[in-house]
PDB file of N, CA and C in Angstrom:
ATOM      1  N   MET A   1       0.855  -1.170   0.000  1.00  0.00           N
ATOM      2  CA  MET A   1       0.000   0.000   0.000  1.00  0.00           C
ATOM      3  C   MET A   1       0.901   1.233   0.000  1.00  0.00           C
ATOM      4  N   SER A   2       0.584   2.194  -0.838  1.00  0.00           N
ATOM      5  CA  SER A   2       1.428   3.387  -0.934  1.00  0.00           C
ATOM      6  C   SER A   2       1.066   4.387   0.157  1.00  0.00           C
ATOM      7  N   GLU A   3       2.048   5.179   0.480  1.00  0.00           N
ATOM      8  CA  GLU A   3       1.847   6.217   1.498  1.00  0.00           C
ATOM      9  C   GLU A   3       1.010   7.348   0.908  1.00  0.00           C
ATOM     10  N   PRO A   4       0.187   7.990   1.728  1.00  0.00           N
ATOM     11  CA  PRO A   4      -0.578   9.139   1.209  1.00  0.00           C
ATOM     12  C   PRO A   4       0.376  10.273   0.827  1.00  0.00           C
ATOM     13  N   GLU A   5       0.039  10.938  -0.253  1.00  0.00           N
ATOM     14  CA  GLU A   5       0.866  12.041  -0.725  1.00  0.00           C
ATOM     15  C   GLU A   5       0.648  13.269   0.153  1.00  0.00           C
ATOM     16  N   GLU A   6       1.703  14.037   0.310  1.00  0.00           N
ATOM     17  CA  GLU A   6       1.628  15.270   1.105  1.00  0.00           C
ATOM     18  C   GLU A   6       0.724  16.286   0.399  1.00  0.00           C
ATOM     19  N   PRO A   7      -0.049  17.046   1.151  1.00  0.00           N
ATOM     20  CA  PRO A   7      -0.890  18.076   0.533  1.00  0.00           C
ATOM     21  C   PRO A   7      -0.029  19.133  -0.171  1.00  0.00           C
ATOM     22  N   VAL A   8      -0.630  19.746  -1.166  1.00  0.00           N
ATOM     23  CA  VAL A   8       0.031  20.814  -1.920  1.00  0.00           C
ATOM     24  C   VAL A   8      -0.866  22.053  -1.896  1.00  0.00           C
ATOM     25  N   GLY A   9      -0.301  23.171  -2.281  1.00  0.00           N
ATOM     26  CA  GLY A   9      -1.089  24.400  -2.330  1.00  0.00           C
ATOM     27  C   GLY A   9      -2.254  24.265  -3.300  1.00  0.00           C
ATOM     28  N   ASN A  10      -3.383  24.803  -2.925  1.00  0.00           N
ATOM     29  CA  ASN A  10      -4.586  24.754  -3.750  1.00  0.00           C
ATOM     30  C   ASN A  10      -4.399  25.708  -4.933  1.00  0.00           C
ATOM     31  N   PRO A  11      -4.340  25.198  -6.167  1.00  0.00           N
ATOM     32  CA  PRO A  11      -4.097  26.080  -7.313  1.00  0.00           C
ATOM     33  C   PRO A  11      -5.240  27.061  -7.571  1.00  0.00           C
ATOM     34  N   LEU A  12      -6.455  26.671  -7.267  1.00  0.00           N
ATOM     35  CA  LEU A  12      -7.582  27.590  -7.461  1.00  0.00           C
ATOM     36  C   LEU A  12      -7.507  28.739  -6.472  1.00  0.00           C
ATOM     37  N   ARG A  13      -7.140  28.442  -5.249  1.00  0.00           N
ATOM     38  CA  ARG A  13      -6.973  29.497  -4.244  1.00  0.00           C
ATOM     39  C   ARG A  13      -5.842  30.439  -4.652  1.00  0.00           C
ATOM     40  N   ALA A  14      -4.767  29.902  -5.202  1.00  0.00           N
ATOM     41  CA  ALA A  14      -3.652  30.737  -5.667  1.00  0.00           C
ATOM     42  C   ALA A  14      -4.114  31.659  -6.785  1.00  0.00           C
ATOM     43  N   GLU A  15      -4.937  31.158  -7.692  1.00  0.00           N
ATOM     44  CA  GLU A  15      -5.465  32.003  -8.773  1.00  0.00           C
ATOM     45  C   GLU A  15      -6.338  33.117  -8.215  1.00  0.00           C
ATOM     46  N   LEU A  16      -7.155  32.788  -7.227  1.00  0.00           N
ATOM     47  CA  LEU A  16      -8.012  33.806  -6.626  1.00  0.00           C
ATOM     48  C   LEU A  16      -7.195  34.809  -5.815  1.00  0.00           C
ATOM     49  N   ASP A  17      -6.106  34.374  -5.190  1.00  0.00           N
ATOM     50  CA  ASP A  17      -5.187  35.305  -4.525  1.00  0.00           C
ATOM     51  C   ASP A  17      -4.686  36.335  -5.531  1.00  0.00           C
ATOM     52  N   ASP A  18      -4.261  35.826  -6.677  1.00  0.00           N
ATOM     53  CA  ASP A  18      -3.752  36.706  -7.729  1.00  0.00           C
ATOM     54  C   ASP A  18      -4.853  37.638  -8.238  1.00  0.00           C
ATOM     55  N   LEU A  19      -6.051  37.115  -8.399  1.00  0.00           N
ATOM     56  CA  LEU A  19      -7.168  37.944  -8.861  1.00  0.00           C
ATOM     57  C   LEU A  19      -7.487  39.050  -7.858  1.00  0.00           C
ATOM     58  N   VAL A  20      -7.482  38.736  -6.578  1.00  0.00           N
ATOM     59  CA  VAL A  20      -7.726  39.756  -5.550  1.00  0.00           C
ATOM     60  C   VAL A  20      -6.681  40.870  -5.675  1.00  0.00           C
ATOM     61  N   ARG A  21      -5.411  40.497  -5.820  1.00  0.00           N
ATOM     62  CA  ARG A  21      -4.351  41.506  -5.958  1.00  0.00           C
ATOM     63  C   ARG A  21      -4.559  42.376  -7.194  1.00  0.00           C
ATOM     64  N   ARG A  22      -4.893  41.731  -8.320  1.00  0.00           N
ATOM     65  CA  ARG A  22      -5.084  42.492  -9.559  1.00  0.00           C
ATOM     66  C   ARG A  22      -6.293  43.422  -9.473  1.00  0.00           C
ATOM     67  N   VAL A  23      -7.378  42.960  -8.861  1.00  0.00           N
ATOM     68  CA  VAL A  23      -8.569  43.807  -8.710  1.00  0.00           C
ATOM     69  C   VAL A  23      -8.261  44.975  -7.778  1.00  0.00           C
ATOM     70  N   GLN A  24      -7.540  44.717  -6.691  1.00  0.00           N
ATOM     71  CA  GLN A  24      -7.164  45.814  -5.787  1.00  0.00           C
ATOM     72  C   GLN A  24      -6.296  46.840  -6.505  1.00  0.00           C
ATOM     73  N   GLU A  25      -5.344  46.377  -7.295  1.00  0.00           N
ATOM     74  CA  GLU A  25      -4.496  47.304  -8.055  1.00  0.00           C
ATOM     75  C   GLU A  25      -5.330  48.105  -9.051  1.00  0.00           C
ATOM     76  N   ALA A  26      -6.232  47.434  -9.752  1.00  0.00           N
ATOM     77  CA  ALA A  26      -7.063  48.115 -10.745  1.00  0.00           C
ATOM     78  C   ALA A  26      -7.983  49.140 -10.089  1.00  0.00           C
ATOM     79  N   THR A  27      -8.595  48.776  -8.974  1.00  0.00           N
ATOM     80  CA  THR A  27      -9.485  49.729  -8.312  1.00  0.00           C
ATOM     81  C   THR A  27      -8.699  50.897  -7.746  1.00  0.00           C
ATOM     82  N   GLY A  28      -7.449  50.664  -7.367  1.00  0.00           N
ATOM     83  CA  GLY A  28      -6.606  51.751  -6.881  1.00  0.00           C
ATOM     84  C   GLY A  28      -6.251  52.749  -7.960  1.00  0.00           C
ATOM     85  N   ARG A  29      -6.339  52.329  -9.223  1.00  0.00           N
ATOM     86  CA  ARG A  29      -6.024  53.236 -10.334  1.00  0.00           C
ATOM     87  C   ARG A  29      -7.232  54.039 -10.803  1.00  0.00           C
ATOM     88  N   VAL A  30      -8.425  53.705 -10.318  1.00  0.00           N
ATOM     89  CA  VAL A  30      -9.621  54.465 -10.688  1.00  0.00           C
ATOM     90  C   VAL A  30      -9.538  55.816  -9.992  1.00  0.00           C
ATOM     91  N   PRO A  31      -9.649  56.893 -10.771  1.00  0.00           N
ATOM     92  CA  PRO A  31      -9.522  58.217 -10.137  1.00  0.00           C
ATOM     93  C   PRO A  31     -10.586  58.449  -9.076  1.00  0.00           C
ATOM     94  N   GLY A  32     -10.185  59.119  -8.033  1.00  0.00           N
ATOM     95  CA  GLY A  32     -11.108  59.438  -6.956  1.00  0.00           C
ATOM     96  C   GLY A  32     -12.023  60.590  -7.328  1.00  0.00           C
ATOM     97  N   MET A  33     -13.107  60.720  -6.600  1.00  0.00           N
ATOM     98  CA  MET A  33     -14.050  61.805  -6.852  1.00  0.00           C
ATOM     99  C   MET A  33     -14.122  62.779  -5.698  1.00  0.00           C
ATOM    100  N   SER A  34     -13.218  62.664  -4.739  1.00  0.00           N
ATOM    101  CA  SER A  34     -13.302  63.577  -3.605  1.00  0.00           C
ATOM    102  C   SER A  34     -13.048  65.024  -4.034  1.00  0.00           C
ATOM    103  N   ALA A  35     -12.135  65.255  -4.955  1.00  0.00           N
ATOM    104  CA  ALA A  35     -11.865  66.626  -5.398  1.00  0.00           C
ATOM    105  C   ALA A  35     -13.085  67.252  -6.075  1.00  0.00           C
ATOM    106  N   PRO A  36     -13.726  66.574  -7.050  1.00  0.00           N
ATOM    107  CA  PRO A  36     -14.923  67.172  -7.642  1.00  0.00           C
ATOM    108  C   PRO A  36     -16.053  67.363  -6.635  1.00  0.00           C
ATOM    109  N   LEU A  37     -16.202  66.408  -5.710  1.00  0.00           N
ATOM    110  CA  LEU A  37     -17.281  66.534  -4.739  1.00  0.00           C
ATOM    111  C   LEU A  37     -17.080  67.710  -3.793  1.00  0.00           C
ATOM    112  N   THR A  38     -15.847  68.040  -3.473  1.00  0.00           N
ATOM    113  CA  THR A  38     -15.609  69.190  -2.596  1.00  0.00           C
ATOM    114  C   THR A  38     -15.539  70.491  -3.370  1.00  0.00           C
ATOM    115  N   ALA A  39     -15.198  70.429  -4.670  1.00  0.00           N
ATOM    116  CA  ALA A  39     -15.104  71.652  -5.469  1.00  0.00           C
ATOM    117  C   ALA A  39     -16.469  72.159  -5.908  1.00  0.00           C
ATOM    118  N   VAL A  40     -17.449  71.274  -5.991  1.00  0.00           N
ATOM    119  CA  VAL A  40     -18.788  71.658  -6.456  1.00  0.00           C
ATOM    120  C   VAL A  40     -19.736  71.693  -5.266  1.00  0.00           C
ATOM    121  N   GLY A  41     -20.507  72.739  -5.193  1.00  0.00           N
ATOM    122  CA  GLY A  41     -21.501  72.879  -4.130  1.00  0.00           C
ATOM    123  C   GLY A  41     -21.124  73.977  -3.171  1.00  0.00           C
ATOM    124  N   ASP A  42     -20.027  73.784  -2.470  1.00  0.00           N
ATOM    125  CA  ASP A  42     -19.562  74.788  -1.524  1.00  0.00           C
ATOM    126  C   ASP A  42     -18.083  75.100  -1.747  1.00  0.00           C
ATOM    127  N   GLY A  43     -17.498  74.533  -2.787  1.00  0.00           N
ATOM    128  CA  GLY A  43     -16.065  74.683  -3.011  1.00  0.00           C
ATOM    129  C   GLY A  43     -15.711  75.790  -3.977  1.00  0.00           C
ATOM    130  N   ASP A  44     -14.522  75.653  -4.554  1.00  0.00           N
ATOM    131  CA  ASP A  44     -13.971  76.701  -5.402  1.00  0.00           C
ATOM    132  C   ASP A  44     -14.485  76.683  -6.837  1.00  0.00           C
ATOM    133  N   ALA A  45     -14.939  75.552  -7.339  1.00  0.00           N
ATOM    134  CA  ALA A  45     -15.324  75.457  -8.749  1.00  0.00           C
ATOM    135  C   ALA A  45     -16.711  76.025  -9.019  1.00  0.00           C
ATOM    136  N   TRP A  46     -17.669  75.701  -8.171  1.00  0.00           N
ATOM    137  CA  TRP A  46     -19.055  76.109  -8.417  1.00  0.00           C
ATOM    138  C   TRP A  46     -19.774  76.088  -7.088  1.00  0.00           C
ATOM    139  N   ARG A  47     -20.369  77.210  -6.727  1.00  0.00           N
ATOM    140  CA  ARG A  47     -21.062  77.329  -5.442  1.00  0.00           C
ATOM    141  C   ARG A  47     -22.526  77.664  -5.633  1.00  0.00           C
ATOM    142  N   GLY A  48     -23.263  77.369  -4.599  1.00  0.00           N
ATOM    143  CA  GLY A  48     -24.660  77.776  -4.580  1.00  0.00           C
ATOM    144  C   GLY A  48     -25.612  76.600  -4.578  1.00  0.00           C
ATOM    145  N   PRO A  49     -26.914  76.906  -4.502  1.00  0.00           N
ATOM    146  CA  PRO A  49     -27.928  75.850  -4.407  1.00  0.00           C
ATOM    147  C   PRO A  49     -27.943  74.942  -5.637  1.00  0.00           C
ATOM    148  N   ALA A  50     -27.796  75.510  -6.826  1.00  0.00           N
ATOM    149  CA  ALA A  50     -27.802  74.674  -8.043  1.00  0.00           C
ATOM    150  C   ALA A  50     -26.593  73.745  -8.045  1.00  0.00           C
ATOM    151  N   ALA A  51     -25.449  74.247  -7.607  1.00  0.00           N
ATOM    152  CA  ALA A  51     -24.234  73.430  -7.551  1.00  0.00           C
ATOM    153  C   ALA A  51     -24.396  72.299  -6.538  1.00  0.00           C
ATOM    154  N   ARG A  52     -24.981  72.600  -5.399  1.00  0.00           N
ATOM    155  CA  ARG A  52     -25.192  71.556  -4.394  1.00  0.00           C
ATOM    156  C   ARG A  52     -26.165  70.493  -4.903  1.00  0.00           C
ATOM    157  N   ARG A  53     -27.234  70.922  -5.587  1.00  0.00           N
ATOM    158  CA  ARG A  53     -28.179  69.955  -6.148  1.00  0.00           C
ATOM    159  C   ARG A  53     -27.484  69.068  -7.187  1.00  0.00           C
ATOM    160  N   PHE A  54     -26.670  69.682  -8.044  1.00  0.00           N
ATOM    161  CA  PHE A  54     -25.949  68.906  -9.051  1.00  0.00           C
ATOM    162  C   PHE A  54     -25.027  67.889  -8.381  1.00  0.00           C
ATOM    163  N   ARG A  55     -24.300  68.359  -7.379  1.00  0.00           N
ATOM    164  CA  ARG A  55     -23.393  67.457  -6.656  1.00  0.00           C
ATOM    165  C   ARG A  55     -24.174  66.304  -6.020  1.00  0.00           C
ATOM    166  N   ASP A  56     -25.256  66.647  -5.328  1.00  0.00           N
ATOM    167  CA  ASP A  56     -26.019  65.640  -4.596  1.00  0.00           C
ATOM    168  C   ASP A  56     -26.796  64.695  -5.515  1.00  0.00           C
ATOM    169  N   GLN A  57     -27.287  65.218  -6.650  1.00  0.00           N
ATOM    170  CA  GLN A  57     -28.119  64.404  -7.536  1.00  0.00           C
ATOM    171  C   GLN A  57     -27.320  63.674  -8.616  1.00  0.00           C
ATOM    172  N   HIS A  58     -26.115  64.171  -8.937  1.00  0.00           N
ATOM    173  CA  HIS A  58     -25.369  63.564 -10.047  1.00  0.00           C
ATOM    174  C   HIS A  58     -23.990  63.045  -9.645  1.00  0.00           C
ATOM    175  N   LEU A  59     -23.200  63.889  -9.012  1.00  0.00           N
ATOM    176  CA  LEU A  59     -21.833  63.473  -8.690  1.00  0.00           C
ATOM    177  C   LEU A  59     -21.788  62.417  -7.591  1.00  0.00           C
ATOM    178  N   ASP A  60     -22.502  62.642  -6.517  1.00  0.00           N
ATOM    179  CA  ASP A  60     -22.457  61.683  -5.415  1.00  0.00           C
ATOM    180  C   ASP A  60     -23.015  60.310  -5.822  1.00  0.00           C
ATOM    181  N   PRO A  61     -24.162  60.249  -6.530  1.00  0.00           N
ATOM    182  CA  PRO A  61     -24.627  58.927  -6.986  1.00  0.00           C
ATOM    183  C   PRO A  61     -23.647  58.260  -7.959  1.00  0.00           C
ATOM    184  N   ALA A  62     -22.978  59.047  -8.784  1.00  0.00           N
ATOM    185  CA  ALA A  62     -21.986  58.469  -9.703  1.00  0.00           C
ATOM    186  C   ALA A  62     -20.834  57.850  -8.910  1.00  0.00           C
ATOM    187  N   ARG A  63     -20.426  58.539  -7.858  1.00  0.00           N
ATOM    188  CA  ARG A  63     -19.358  58.005  -7.000  1.00  0.00           C
ATOM    189  C   ARG A  63     -19.799  56.693  -6.361  1.00  0.00           C
ATOM    190  N   SER A  64     -20.998  56.689  -5.804  1.00  0.00           N
ATOM    191  CA  SER A  64     -21.508  55.476  -5.157  1.00  0.00           C
ATOM    192  C   SER A  64     -21.684  54.351  -6.168  1.00  0.00           C
ATOM    193  N   GLY A  65     -22.175  54.693  -7.348  1.00  0.00           N
ATOM    194  CA  GLY A  65     -22.396  53.683  -8.381  1.00  0.00           C
ATOM    195  C   GLY A  65     -21.117  53.080  -8.905  1.00  0.00           C
ATOM    196  N   LEU A  66     -20.025  53.819  -8.854  1.00  0.00           N
ATOM    197  CA  LEU A  66     -18.744  53.316  -9.337  1.00  0.00           C
ATOM    198  C   LEU A  66     -17.958  52.595  -8.257  1.00  0.00           C
ATOM    199  N   TYR A  67     -17.780  53.232  -7.130  1.00  0.00           N
ATOM    200  CA  TYR A  67     -16.895  52.678  -6.105  1.00  0.00           C
ATOM    201  C   TYR A  67     -17.524  51.562  -5.292  1.00  0.00           C
ATOM    202  N   GLY A  68     -18.821  51.602  -5.072  1.00  0.00           N
ATOM    203  CA  GLY A  68     -19.488  50.541  -4.313  1.00  0.00           C
ATOM    204  C   GLY A  68     -19.287  49.166  -4.946  1.00  0.00           C
ATOM    205  N   PRO A  69     -19.616  49.016  -6.251  1.00  0.00           N
ATOM    206  CA  PRO A  69     -19.405  47.713  -6.883  1.00  0.00           C
ATOM    207  C   PRO A  69     -17.938  47.291  -6.920  1.00  0.00           C
ATOM    208  N   LEU A  70     -17.028  48.227  -7.099  1.00  0.00           N
ATOM    209  CA  LEU A  70     -15.609  47.870  -7.100  1.00  0.00           C
ATOM    210  C   LEU A  70     -15.183  47.323  -5.744  1.00  0.00           C
ATOM    211  N   ASP A  71     -15.620  47.972  -4.681  1.00  0.00           N
ATOM    212  CA  ASP A  71     -15.289  47.486  -3.336  1.00  0.00           C
ATOM    213  C   ASP A  71     -15.907  46.112  -3.086  1.00  0.00           C
ATOM    214  N   ARG A  72     -17.145  45.932  -3.537  1.00  0.00           N
ATOM    215  CA  ARG A  72     -17.804  44.639  -3.335  1.00  0.00           C
ATOM    216  C   ARG A  72     -17.125  43.547  -4.149  1.00  0.00           C
ATOM    217  N   LEU A  73     -16.598  43.890  -5.323  1.00  0.00           N
ATOM    218  CA  LEU A  73     -15.916  42.898  -6.149  1.00  0.00           C
ATOM    219  C   LEU A  73     -14.710  42.325  -5.413  1.00  0.00           C
ATOM    220  N   VAL A  74     -13.909  43.182  -4.830  1.00  0.00           N
ATOM    221  CA  VAL A  74     -12.752  42.715  -4.058  1.00  0.00           C
ATOM    222  C   VAL A  74     -13.225  41.827  -2.913  1.00  0.00           C
ATOM    223  N   ASP A  75     -14.234  42.278  -2.189  1.00  0.00           N
ATOM    224  CA  ASP A  75     -14.743  41.500  -1.057  1.00  0.00           C
ATOM    225  C   ASP A  75     -15.316  40.152  -1.505  1.00  0.00           C
ATOM    226  N   ASP A  76     -16.042  40.146  -2.626  1.00  0.00           N
ATOM    227  CA  ASP A  76     -16.654  38.905  -3.105  1.00  0.00           C
ATOM    228  C   ASP A  76     -15.598  37.884  -3.521  1.00  0.00           C
ATOM    229  N   VAL A  77     -14.581  38.332  -4.254  1.00  0.00           N
ATOM    230  CA  VAL A  77     -13.526  37.408  -4.679  1.00  0.00           C
ATOM    231  C   VAL A  77     -12.759  36.900  -3.458  1.00  0.00           C
ATOM    232  N   ALA A  78     -12.446  37.791  -2.537  1.00  0.00           N
ATOM    233  CA  ALA A  78     -11.723  37.377  -1.328  1.00  0.00           C
ATOM    234  C   ALA A  78     -12.556  36.391  -0.508  1.00  0.00           C
ATOM    235  N   SER A  79     -13.853  36.585  -0.462  1.00  0.00           N
ATOM    236  CA  SER A  79     -14.720  35.685   0.292  1.00  0.00           C
ATOM    237  C   SER A  79     -14.716  34.281  -0.320  1.00  0.00           C
ATOM    238  N   VAL A  80     -14.796  34.207  -1.636  1.00  0.00           N
ATOM    239  CA  VAL A  80     -14.747  32.896  -2.296  1.00  0.00           C
ATOM    240  C   VAL A  80     -13.391  32.245  -2.040  1.00  0.00           C
ATOM    241  N   ARG A  81     -12.327  33.017  -2.205  1.00  0.00           N
ATOM    242  CA  ARG A  81     -10.977  32.496  -1.956  1.00  0.00           C
ATOM    243  C   ARG A  81     -10.849  31.967  -0.535  1.00  0.00           C
ATOM    244  N   ASP A  82     -11.332  32.729   0.425  1.00  0.00           N
ATOM    245  CA  ASP A  82     -11.199  32.344   1.825  1.00  0.00           C
ATOM    246  C   ASP A  82     -12.021  31.110   2.184  1.00  0.00           C
ATOM    247  N   GLY A  83     -13.006  30.778   1.364  1.00  0.00           N
ATOM    248  CA  GLY A  83     -13.803  29.578   1.585  1.00  0.00           C
ATOM    249  C   GLY A  83     -13.152  28.307   1.059  1.00  0.00           C
ATOM    250  N   LEU A  84     -12.033  28.466   0.366  1.00  0.00           N
ATOM    251  CA  LEU A  84     -11.331  27.305  -0.193  1.00  0.00           C
ATOM    252  C   LEU A  84     -10.212  26.860   0.741  1.00  0.00           C
ATOM    253  N   PRO A  85      -9.933  25.576   0.765  1.00  0.00           N
ATOM    254  CA  PRO A  85      -8.813  25.108   1.596  1.00  0.00           C
ATOM    255  C   PRO A  85      -7.482  25.603   1.030  1.00  0.00           C
ATOM    256  N   ARG A  86      -6.543  25.855   1.924  1.00  0.00           N
ATOM    257  CA  ARG A  86      -5.209  26.299   1.497  1.00  0.00           C
ATOM    258  C   ARG A  86      -4.444  25.177   0.801  1.00  0.00           C
ATOM    259  N   GLU A  87      -4.660  23.962   1.256  1.00  0.00           N
ATOM    260  CA  GLU A  87      -3.959  22.824   0.685  1.00  0.00           C
ATOM    261  C   GLU A  87      -4.957  21.752   0.281  1.00  0.00           C
ATOM    262  N   VAL A  88      -4.583  21.025  -0.769  1.00  0.00           N
ATOM    263  CA  VAL A  88      -5.392  19.907  -1.260  1.00  0.00           C
ATOM    264  C   VAL A  88      -4.440  18.767  -1.591  1.00  0.00           C
ATOM    265  N   SER A  89      -4.999  17.622  -1.854  1.00  0.00           N
ATOM    266  CA  SER A  89      -4.158  16.492  -2.254  1.00  0.00           C
ATOM    267  C   SER A  89      -3.597  16.777  -3.648  1.00  0.00           C
ATOM    268  N   PRO A  90      -2.467  16.174  -3.982  1.00  0.00           N
ATOM    269  CA  PRO A  90      -1.929  16.365  -5.330  1.00  0.00           C
ATOM    270  C   PRO A  90      -2.928  15.967  -6.417  1.00  0.00           C
ATOM    271  N   GLU A  91      -3.694  14.915  -6.158  1.00  0.00           N
ATOM    272  CA  GLU A  91      -4.696  14.492  -7.138  1.00  0.00           C
ATOM    273  C   GLU A  91      -5.757  15.573  -7.334  1.00  0.00           C
ATOM    274  N   ARG A  92      -6.226  16.145  -6.226  1.00  0.00           N
ATOM    275  CA  ARG A  92      -7.237  17.208  -6.319  1.00  0.00           C
ATOM    276  C   ARG A  92      -6.663  18.446  -7.007  1.00  0.00           C
ATOM    277  N   ALA A  93      -5.400  18.745  -6.752  1.00  0.00           N
ATOM    278  CA  ALA A  93      -4.751  19.881  -7.418  1.00  0.00           C
ATOM    279  C   ALA A  93      -4.741  19.660  -8.930  1.00  0.00           C
ATOM    280  N   ARG A  94      -4.425  18.439  -9.358  1.00  0.00           N
ATOM    281  CA  ARG A  94      -4.428  18.133 -10.802  1.00  0.00           C
ATOM    282  C   ARG A  94      -5.841  18.280 -11.372  1.00  0.00           C
ATOM    283  N   GLU A  95      -6.838  17.808 -10.624  1.00  0.00           N
ATOM    284  CA  GLU A  95      -8.237  17.928 -11.076  1.00  0.00           C
ATOM    285  C   GLU A  95      -8.628  19.397 -11.231  1.00  0.00           C
ATOM    286  N   LEU A  96      -8.263  20.210 -10.237  1.00  0.00           N
ATOM    287  CA  LEU A  96      -8.596  21.637 -10.292  1.00  0.00           C
ATOM    288  C   LEU A  96      -7.923  22.314 -11.472  1.00  0.00           C
ATOM    289  N   ARG A  97      -6.651  21.987 -11.698  1.00  0.00           N
ATOM    290  CA  ARG A  97      -5.940  22.588 -12.839  1.00  0.00           C
ATOM    291  C   ARG A  97      -6.610  22.208 -14.146  1.00  0.00           C
ATOM    292  N   ARG A  98      -6.984  20.964 -14.250  1.00  0.00           N
ATOM    293  CA  ARG A  98      -7.645  20.485 -15.474  1.00  0.00           C
ATOM    294  C   ARG A  98      -9.022  21.141 -15.634  1.00  0.00           C
ATOM    295  N   GLU A  99      -9.792  21.147 -14.556  1.00  0.00           N
ATOM    296  CA  GLU A  99     -11.161  21.683 -14.598  1.00  0.00           C
ATOM    297  C   GLU A  99     -11.186  23.177 -14.909  1.00  0.00           C
ATOM    298  N   TRP A 100     -10.266  23.937 -14.334  1.00  0.00           N
ATOM    299  CA  TRP A 100     -10.272  25.393 -14.467  1.00  0.00           C
ATOM    300  C   TRP A 100      -9.265  25.914 -15.486  1.00  0.00           C
ATOM    301  N   GLY A 101      -8.525  25.021 -16.125  1.00  0.00           N
ATOM    302  CA  GLY A 101      -7.556  25.440 -17.130  1.00  0.00           C
ATOM    303  C   GLY A 101      -6.401  26.214 -16.522  1.00  0.00           C
ATOM    304  N   LEU A 102      -5.938  25.795 -15.365  1.00  0.00           N
ATOM    305  CA  LEU A 102      -4.866  26.502 -14.668  1.00  0.00           C
ATOM    306  C   LEU A 102      -3.504  25.918 -15.036  1.00  0.00           C
TER     307      LEU A 102
END
């Protein structure tokens, strides 16, 4: 009878680790909206009630619509990754590589 093989790193988890890093880097390159949000409404670019309405009705929702999903994407990928075992049997690692094209 052969000895059981030592566990190896989970290749799918490694791919998701890499994906989390790449998504974090990509989201870090998305320009921020704090400058436009402070410049419009009460700031230096445009002041007054119309400027505040524009900021509140257009700029702020655009910020939420862009950054919210990006933040959730990182969290969602990390959550899936964290649900996977760190190590698997060599046979399971081969199956995962074959199944996922890794």
